[in-house]
């Protein structure tokens, strides 16, 4: 790889880092081509970009951007990088599922926003709700009181109708 290609690769990595809310470093040692393709499809379903770069190029990109110092000791061996957009917990779910099935492909560490999480935090990250789940929960919480009010108003109206109906029956009798 010549110097121009390295500069282009570092620029590409930097662009991906800047456009991501979550950056996951994984060790893909022992994973065969068929399994890595299956894993890539899982990432693709969740709109996650999975790439493999040289560790030296990753180090340079992280150093130029700054704030990713905890990644430096992790950039050894076979390293893949998963870049996530808005759904920053999706890579953790995919990694955990694959690791559970194959006992390969382990998390080295990740940054979500500017917070570092080590490999031991994978279970916690994978159990976090996605953005869509959080939004659905909030909407459900907001809608619950409104539906309760509607139910109470309907009950009052139903009771009023039954009282009027009983009065009309007594006058008719």
C-alpha atoms as a PDB file:
ATOM      1  CA  UNK A   1       0.000   0.000   0.000  1.00  0.00           C
ATOM      2  CA  UNK A   2       1.594   3.293  -1.054  1.00  0.00           C
ATOM      3  CA  UNK A   3       1.440   6.553   0.867  1.00  0.00           C
ATOM      4  CA  UNK A   4      -1.490   7.983  -1.127  1.00  0.00           C
ATOM      5  CA  UNK A   5      -3.584   4.862  -0.508  1.00  0.00           C
ATOM      6  CA  UNK A   6      -2.802   5.065   3.208  1.00  0.00           C
ATOM      7  CA  UNK A   7      -3.842   8.723   3.321  1.00  0.00           C
ATOM      8  CA  UNK A   8      -7.100   7.867   1.509  1.00  0.00           C
ATOM      9  CA  UNK A   9      -7.791   4.961   3.879  1.00  0.00           C
ATOM     10  CA  UNK A  10      -7.179   7.128   6.951  1.00  0.00           C
ATOM     11  CA  UNK A  11      -9.511   9.795   5.518  1.00  0.00           C
ATOM     12  CA  UNK A  12     -12.175   7.134   4.887  1.00  0.00           C
ATOM     13  CA  UNK A  13     -11.825   5.797   8.437  1.00  0.00           C
ATOM     14  CA  UNK A  14     -12.033   9.306   9.901  1.00  0.00           C
ATOM     15  CA  UNK A  15     -15.210  10.023   7.926  1.00  0.00           C
ATOM     16  CA  UNK A  16     -16.787   6.796   9.190  1.00  0.00           C
ATOM     17  CA  UNK A  17     -15.788   7.597  12.780  1.00  0.00           C
ATOM     18  CA  UNK A  18     -17.227  11.109  12.601  1.00  0.00           C
ATOM     19  CA  UNK A  19     -20.539   9.824  11.187  1.00  0.00           C
ATOM     20  CA  UNK A  20     -20.986   7.119  13.848  1.00  0.00           C
ATOM     21  CA  UNK A  21     -22.535   7.177  17.297  1.00  0.00           C
ATOM     22  CA  UNK A  22     -21.040   3.792  18.175  1.00  0.00           C
ATOM     23  CA  UNK A  23     -17.695   2.262  17.202  1.00  0.00           C
ATOM     24  CA  UNK A  24     -17.113  -1.384  18.120  1.00  0.00           C
ATOM     25  CA  UNK A  25     -13.743  -3.140  17.835  1.00  0.00           C
ATOM     26  CA  UNK A  26     -14.014  -6.907  17.473  1.00  0.00           C
ATOM     27  CA  UNK A  27     -11.581  -9.804  17.266  1.00  0.00           C
ATOM     28  CA  UNK A  28     -12.496 -11.979  14.301  1.00  0.00           C
ATOM     29  CA  UNK A  29      -9.741 -14.569  14.686  1.00  0.00           C
ATOM     30  CA  UNK A  30     -10.925 -18.073  13.802  1.00  0.00           C
ATOM     31  CA  UNK A  31     -13.997 -16.903  11.874  1.00  0.00           C
ATOM     32  CA  UNK A  32     -14.258 -18.458   8.422  1.00  0.00           C
ATOM     33  CA  UNK A  33     -15.473 -16.679   5.272  1.00  0.00           C
ATOM     34  CA  UNK A  34     -18.950 -18.231   5.375  1.00  0.00           C
ATOM     35  CA  UNK A  35     -19.471 -17.124   8.971  1.00  0.00           C
ATOM     36  CA  UNK A  36     -18.107 -13.622   8.365  1.00  0.00           C
ATOM     37  CA  UNK A  37     -20.538 -13.242   5.445  1.00  0.00           C
ATOM     38  CA  UNK A  38     -23.399 -14.333   7.719  1.00  0.00           C
ATOM     39  CA  UNK A  39     -22.226 -11.809  10.282  1.00  0.00           C
ATOM     40  CA  UNK A  40     -21.993  -9.038   7.674  1.00  0.00           C
ATOM     41  CA  UNK A  41     -25.601  -9.780   6.648  1.00  0.00           C
ATOM     42  CA  UNK A  42     -26.652  -9.448  10.296  1.00  0.00           C
ATOM     43  CA  UNK A  43     -24.878  -6.109  10.516  1.00  0.00           C
ATOM     44  CA  UNK A  44     -26.378  -4.974   7.209  1.00  0.00           C
ATOM     45  CA  UNK A  45     -29.937  -5.720   8.448  1.00  0.00           C
ATOM     46  CA  UNK A  46     -29.305  -3.287  11.303  1.00  0.00           C
ATOM     47  CA  UNK A  47     -27.696  -0.622   9.050  1.00  0.00           C
ATOM     48  CA  UNK A  48     -24.290  -1.193  10.612  1.00  0.00           C
ATOM     49  CA  UNK A  49     -21.142  -0.791   8.560  1.00  0.00           C
ATOM     50  CA  UNK A  50     -18.566  -3.509   9.265  1.00  0.00           C
ATOM     51  CA  UNK A  51     -15.038  -3.007   7.923  1.00  0.00           C
ATOM     52  CA  UNK A  52     -11.581  -4.463   8.371  1.00  0.00           C
ATOM     53  CA  UNK A  53      -8.656  -2.034   8.240  1.00  0.00           C
ATOM     54  CA  UNK A  54      -4.993  -2.325   9.121  1.00  0.00           C
ATOM     55  CA  UNK A  55      -4.442  -1.628  12.811  1.00  0.00           C
ATOM     56  CA  UNK A  56      -1.818   1.042  12.016  1.00  0.00           C
ATOM     57  CA  UNK A  57      -4.306   2.933   9.837  1.00  0.00           C
ATOM     58  CA  UNK A  58      -6.968   2.705  12.542  1.00  0.00           C
ATOM     59  CA  UNK A  59      -4.477   3.979  15.143  1.00  0.00           C
ATOM     60  CA  UNK A  60      -3.545   6.916  12.951  1.00  0.00           C
ATOM     61  CA  UNK A  61      -7.192   7.841  12.320  1.00  0.00           C
ATOM     62  CA  UNK A  62      -8.100   7.595  16.010  1.00  0.00           C
ATOM     63  CA  UNK A  63      -5.050   9.693  16.956  1.00  0.00           C
ATOM     64  CA  UNK A  64      -5.855  12.379  14.382  1.00  0.00           C
ATOM     65  CA  UNK A  65      -9.439  12.692  15.610  1.00  0.00           C
ATOM     66  CA  UNK A  66      -8.550  12.356  19.303  1.00  0.00           C
ATOM     67  CA  UNK A  67     -10.615  11.071  22.209  1.00  0.00           C
ATOM     68  CA  UNK A  68     -10.163   7.357  21.460  1.00  0.00           C
ATOM     69  CA  UNK A  69      -7.050   6.656  23.538  1.00  0.00           C
ATOM     70  CA  UNK A  70      -8.495   3.510  25.126  1.00  0.00           C
ATOM     71  CA  UNK A  71      -8.636   1.844  21.689  1.00  0.00           C
ATOM     72  CA  UNK A  72      -4.869   2.011  21.204  1.00  0.00           C
ATOM     73  CA  UNK A  73      -3.906  -1.077  23.277  1.00  0.00           C
ATOM     74  CA  UNK A  74      -6.793  -3.017  21.671  1.00  0.00           C
ATOM     75  CA  UNK A  75      -5.515  -2.537  18.118  1.00  0.00           C
ATOM     76  CA  UNK A  76      -3.542  -5.777  17.941  1.00  0.00           C
ATOM     77  CA  UNK A  77      -4.276  -8.990  16.089  1.00  0.00           C
ATOM     78  CA  UNK A  78      -7.217  -9.416  13.769  1.00  0.00           C
ATOM     79  CA  UNK A  79      -9.440  -6.385  14.285  1.00  0.00           C
ATOM     80  CA  UNK A  80     -12.752  -5.596  12.634  1.00  0.00           C
ATOM     81  CA  UNK A  81     -14.703  -2.400  13.207  1.00  0.00           C
ATOM     82  CA  UNK A  82     -18.483  -2.007  13.337  1.00  0.00           C
ATOM     83  CA  UNK A  83     -19.746   1.549  12.858  1.00  0.00           C
ATOM     84  CA  UNK A  84     -23.311   2.234  13.975  1.00  0.00           C
ATOM     85  CA  UNK A  85     -25.521   5.210  13.263  1.00  0.00           C
ATOM     86  CA  UNK A  86     -28.519   6.053  15.422  1.00  0.00           C
ATOM     87  CA  UNK A  87     -29.025   2.527  16.727  1.00  0.00           C
ATOM     88  CA  UNK A  88     -25.826   2.338  18.771  1.00  0.00           C
ATOM     89  CA  UNK A  89     -26.744  -0.854  20.674  1.00  0.00           C
ATOM     90  CA  UNK A  90     -27.508  -2.944  17.575  1.00  0.00           C
ATOM     91  CA  UNK A  91     -23.865  -4.003  17.029  1.00  0.00           C
ATOM     92  CA  UNK A  92     -23.694  -5.317  20.596  1.00  0.00           C
ATOM     93  CA  UNK A  93     -26.809  -7.425  19.993  1.00  0.00           C
ATOM     94  CA  UNK A  94     -25.403  -8.839  16.723  1.00  0.00           C
ATOM     95  CA  UNK A  95     -21.983  -9.552  18.269  1.00  0.00           C
ATOM     96  CA  UNK A  96     -23.489 -11.237  21.323  1.00  0.00           C
ATOM     97  CA  UNK A  97     -25.838 -13.378  19.225  1.00  0.00           C
ATOM     98  CA  UNK A  98     -23.036 -14.510  16.938  1.00  0.00           C
ATOM     99  CA  UNK A  99     -20.664 -15.182  19.853  1.00  0.00           C
ATOM    100  CA  UNK A 100     -23.361 -17.234  21.574  1.00  0.00           C
ATOM    101  CA  UNK A 101     -23.910 -19.349  18.440  1.00  0.00           C
ATOM    102  CA  UNK A 102     -20.303 -19.860  17.317  1.00  0.00           C
ATOM    103  CA  UNK A 103     -18.191 -18.974  20.380  1.00  0.00           C
ATOM    104  CA  UNK A 104     -16.048 -16.846  18.063  1.00  0.00           C
ATOM    105  CA  UNK A 105     -15.910 -13.165  17.208  1.00  0.00           C
ATOM    106  CA  UNK A 106     -15.461 -11.334  20.481  1.00  0.00           C
ATOM    107  CA  UNK A 107     -15.795  -7.690  21.454  1.00  0.00           C
ATOM    108  CA  UNK A 108     -12.534  -5.914  22.265  1.00  0.00           C
ATOM    109  CA  UNK A 109     -14.147  -2.642  23.296  1.00  0.00           C
ATOM    110  CA  UNK A 110     -16.371   0.145  22.019  1.00  0.00           C
ATOM    111  CA  UNK A 111     -17.082   3.823  22.224  1.00  0.00           C
ATOM    112  CA  UNK A 112     -20.688   4.967  22.281  1.00  0.00           C
ATOM    113  CA  UNK A 113     -20.751   8.708  21.829  1.00  0.00           C
ATOM    114  CA  UNK A 114     -17.634   9.546  23.870  1.00  0.00           C
ATOM    115  CA  UNK A 115     -18.012   6.830  26.532  1.00  0.00           C
ATOM    116  CA  UNK A 116     -15.725   3.771  26.433  1.00  0.00           C
ATOM    117  CA  UNK A 117     -17.063   0.296  27.243  1.00  0.00           C
ATOM    118  CA  UNK A 118     -14.788  -2.714  27.655  1.00  0.00           C
ATOM    119  CA  UNK A 119     -15.315  -6.271  26.463  1.00  0.00           C
ATOM    120  CA  UNK A 120     -16.846  -7.183  29.835  1.00  0.00           C
ATOM    121  CA  UNK A 121     -19.745  -4.786  29.165  1.00  0.00           C
ATOM    122  CA  UNK A 122     -21.094  -6.678  26.125  1.00  0.00           C
ATOM    123  CA  UNK A 123     -23.999  -8.261  28.017  1.00  0.00           C
ATOM    124  CA  UNK A 124     -25.041  -4.891  29.445  1.00  0.00           C
ATOM    125  CA  UNK A 125     -24.833  -3.195  26.065  1.00  0.00           C
ATOM    126  CA  UNK A 126     -26.754  -5.966  24.311  1.00  0.00           C
ATOM    127  CA  UNK A 127     -29.545  -5.804  26.894  1.00  0.00           C
ATOM    128  CA  UNK A 128     -30.054  -2.065  26.465  1.00  0.00           C
ATOM    129  CA  UNK A 129     -33.214  -1.081  24.586  1.00  0.00           C
ATOM    130  CA  UNK A 130     -32.869   0.271  21.074  1.00  0.00           C
ATOM    131  CA  UNK A 131     -33.850   3.825  20.229  1.00  0.00           C
ATOM    132  CA  UNK A 132     -37.114   2.581  18.700  1.00  0.00           C
ATOM    133  CA  UNK A 133     -37.966   0.605  21.849  1.00  0.00           C
ATOM    134  CA  UNK A 134     -37.324   3.656  24.040  1.00  0.00           C
ATOM    135  CA  UNK A 135     -39.469   5.852  21.795  1.00  0.00           C
ATOM    136  CA  UNK A 136     -42.306   3.300  21.807  1.00  0.00           C
ATOM    137  CA  UNK A 137     -42.150   3.156  25.597  1.00  0.00           C
ATOM    138  CA  UNK A 138     -42.305   6.941  25.886  1.00  0.00           C
ATOM    139  CA  UNK A 139     -45.218   7.173  23.462  1.00  0.00           C
ATOM    140  CA  UNK A 140     -47.012   4.406  25.350  1.00  0.00           C
ATOM    141  CA  UNK A 141     -46.486   6.261  28.628  1.00  0.00           C
ATOM    142  CA  UNK A 142     -47.815   9.481  27.137  1.00  0.00           C
ATOM    143  CA  UNK A 143     -50.808   7.773  25.520  1.00  0.00           C
ATOM    144  CA  UNK A 144     -51.827   5.794  28.637  1.00  0.00           C
ATOM    145  CA  UNK A 145     -53.218   8.770  30.629  1.00  0.00           C
ATOM    146  CA  UNK A 146     -55.050  10.074  27.567  1.00  0.00           C
ATOM    147  CA  UNK A 147     -56.756   6.729  26.965  1.00  0.00           C
ATOM    148  CA  UNK A 148     -57.638   6.594  30.674  1.00  0.00           C
ATOM    149  CA  UNK A 149     -59.319  10.007  30.455  1.00  0.00           C
ATOM    150  CA  UNK A 150     -61.265   8.949  27.370  1.00  0.00           C
ATOM    151  CA  UNK A 151     -62.383   5.812  29.190  1.00  0.00           C
ATOM    152  CA  UNK A 152     -63.520   7.827  32.219  1.00  0.00           C
ATOM    153  CA  UNK A 153     -65.470  10.280  30.061  1.00  0.00           C
ATOM    154  CA  UNK A 154     -67.124   7.396  28.212  1.00  0.00           C
ATOM    155  CA  UNK A 155     -68.043   5.769  31.533  1.00  0.00           C
ATOM    156  CA  UNK A 156     -69.678   8.985  32.787  1.00  0.00           C
ATOM    157  CA  UNK A 157     -71.601   9.344  29.546  1.00  0.00           C
ATOM    158  CA  UNK A 158     -72.703   5.690  29.692  1.00  0.00           C
ATOM    159  CA  UNK A 159     -73.859   6.124  33.301  1.00  0.00           C
ATOM    160  CA  UNK A 160     -75.735   9.303  32.386  1.00  0.00           C
ATOM    161  CA  UNK A 161     -77.493   7.539  29.518  1.00  0.00           C
ATOM    162  CA  UNK A 162     -78.513   4.664  31.780  1.00  0.00           C
ATOM    163  CA  UNK A 163     -79.875   7.113  34.426  1.00  0.00           C
ATOM    164  CA  UNK A 164     -81.911   8.962  31.761  1.00  0.00           C
ATOM    165  CA  UNK A 165     -83.135   5.604  30.450  1.00  0.00           C
ATOM    166  CA  UNK A 166     -84.237   4.499  33.944  1.00  0.00           C
ATOM    167  CA  UNK A 167     -86.071   7.823  34.512  1.00  0.00           C
ATOM    168  CA  UNK A 168     -87.890   7.462  31.201  1.00  0.00           C
ATOM    169  CA  UNK A 169     -88.910   3.879  32.101  1.00  0.00           C
ATOM    170  CA  UNK A 170     -90.292   5.009  35.499  1.00  0.00           C
ATOM    171  CA  UNK A 171     -92.294   7.842  33.911  1.00  0.00           C
ATOM    172  CA  UNK A 172     -93.654   5.472  31.295  1.00  0.00           C
ATOM    173  CA  UNK A 173     -94.790   3.032  33.983  1.00  0.00           C
END
